[in-house]
Amino acid sequence: MQASVQKDAGKATIKLAGRFDFNTHREFRAAYEPLIADSTLRSVVVDFAGVDYLDSSALGMLLMLRDKMGGASKEVALTGVRGNVKQVLDIANFGKLFQIA
């Protein structure tokens, strides 16, 4: 998986591409950790448009992201969700925890 971060007007977007699984936890954490202390940001969006697979460890990583950003008073939303990724997030009831578009 590849992760890139773009910042614009108080919002950071983490664009993911490839498989989002346990093997990518370091890269995902490296993408979001600098955002926690950034006082100019109010929200973080995780863009799943390039993700074709995620597993239960990816769900755990998203929950960790939500907790850390919530502690820093930042909202987290998921976007670009489709196909199998959408199915997994729906089964896990992530629509109750995240704004999903």
Protein backbone atom coordinates (compact mmCIF):
# COMPACT_ATOMS: atom_id res chain seq x y z
CA MET A 1 0.00 0.00 0.00
CA GLN A 2 1.05 3.54 -0.66
CA ALA A 3 -0.10 6.47 1.48
CA SER A 4 0.20 10.14 0.59
CA VAL A 5 -1.03 13.17 2.51
CA GLN A 6 -2.42 16.40 1.06
CA LYS A 7 -3.39 19.38 3.20
CA ASP A 8 -5.84 22.07 2.17
CA ALA A 9 -7.73 24.69 4.22
CA GLY A 10 -7.85 22.90 7.57
CA LYS A 11 -8.38 19.44 6.07
CA ALA A 12 -5.84 16.68 5.46
CA THR A 13 -6.52 13.88 2.99
CA ILE A 14 -4.69 10.58 3.33
CA LYS A 15 -4.86 8.89 -0.08
CA LEU A 16 -4.35 5.14 0.08
CA ALA A 17 -3.57 2.82 -2.82
CA GLY A 18 -3.25 -0.97 -2.88
CA ARG A 19 -3.93 -3.51 -0.14
CA PHE A 20 -4.65 -2.11 3.33
CA ASP A 21 -3.63 -4.87 5.75
CA PHE A 22 -1.37 -5.60 8.71
CA ASN A 23 1.79 -5.32 6.60
CA THR A 24 1.04 -1.63 5.98
CA HIS A 25 0.50 -0.50 9.58
CA ARG A 26 3.85 1.35 9.79
CA GLU A 27 3.23 3.29 6.59
CA PHE A 28 -0.32 4.20 7.62
CA ARG A 29 0.81 5.35 11.06
CA ALA A 30 3.65 7.38 9.53
CA ALA A 31 1.09 9.13 7.30
CA TYR A 32 -1.29 10.18 10.10
CA GLU A 33 0.91 10.73 13.17
CA PRO A 34 2.23 14.16 12.07
CA LEU A 35 -1.39 15.27 11.57
CA ILE A 36 -2.32 14.75 15.23
CA ALA A 37 -0.28 17.71 16.49
CA ASP A 38 -1.03 19.97 13.50
CA SER A 39 -3.17 22.73 15.02
CA THR A 40 -4.18 24.06 11.58
CA LEU A 41 -6.20 20.91 10.81
CA ARG A 42 -9.81 20.35 11.85
CA SER A 43 -10.51 17.17 9.92
CA VAL A 44 -8.84 14.18 8.30
CA VAL A 45 -10.27 12.32 5.32
CA VAL A 46 -9.05 8.85 4.38
CA ASP A 47 -9.48 8.35 0.63
CA PHE A 48 -10.07 4.69 -0.25
CA ALA A 49 -10.51 5.21 -4.01
CA GLY A 50 -7.28 3.30 -4.70
CA VAL A 51 -7.82 0.52 -2.15
CA ASP A 52 -9.01 -2.84 -3.41
CA TYR A 53 -8.64 -4.87 -0.19
CA LEU A 54 -8.69 -4.37 3.56
CA ASP A 55 -8.67 -6.81 6.45
CA SER A 56 -9.55 -6.76 10.14
CA SER A 57 -6.20 -5.24 11.11
CA ALA A 58 -6.99 -2.31 8.78
CA LEU A 59 -10.26 -1.85 10.66
CA GLY A 60 -8.26 -1.71 13.88
CA MET A 61 -5.92 0.87 12.38
CA LEU A 62 -8.91 3.02 11.40
CA LEU A 63 -10.25 2.81 14.96
CA MET A 64 -6.84 3.84 16.31
CA LEU A 65 -6.80 6.78 13.88
CA ARG A 66 -10.27 7.81 15.05
CA ASP A 67 -9.25 7.65 18.72
CA LYS A 68 -6.05 9.64 18.22
CA MET A 69 -7.72 12.30 16.07
CA GLY A 70 -10.70 12.49 18.41
CA GLY A 71 -8.29 13.15 21.29
CA ALA A 72 -6.92 16.06 19.24
CA SER A 73 -10.46 17.33 18.45
CA LYS A 74 -10.26 16.42 14.77
CA GLU A 75 -13.00 14.69 12.79
CA VAL A 76 -12.29 11.65 10.63
CA ALA A 77 -14.22 10.74 7.48
CA LEU A 78 -13.81 7.98 4.91
CA THR A 79 -14.30 8.60 1.20
CA GLY A 80 -13.98 6.73 -2.09
CA VAL A 81 -15.32 3.55 -0.48
CA ARG A 82 -16.52 0.97 -3.02
CA GLY A 83 -16.78 -2.74 -3.78
CA ASN A 84 -15.30 -5.21 -1.29
CA VAL A 85 -13.97 -2.39 0.87
CA LYS A 86 -17.48 -0.96 1.24
CA GLN A 87 -18.82 -4.42 2.04
CA VAL A 88 -16.28 -4.96 4.84
CA LEU A 89 -16.94 -1.52 6.34
CA ASP A 90 -20.71 -2.12 6.17
CA ILE A 91 -20.44 -5.52 7.87
CA ALA A 92 -18.30 -3.96 10.62
CA ASN A 93 -20.91 -1.17 11.09
CA PHE A 94 -18.28 1.52 10.51
CA GLY A 95 -21.03 3.79 9.19
CA LYS A 96 -21.98 4.36 12.85
CA LEU A 97 -18.42 5.40 13.74
CA PHE A 98 -17.32 7.35 10.67
CA GLN A 99 -18.85 9.62 8.09
CA ILE A 100 -18.55 7.51 4.91
CA ALA A 101 -18.98 8.90 1.41
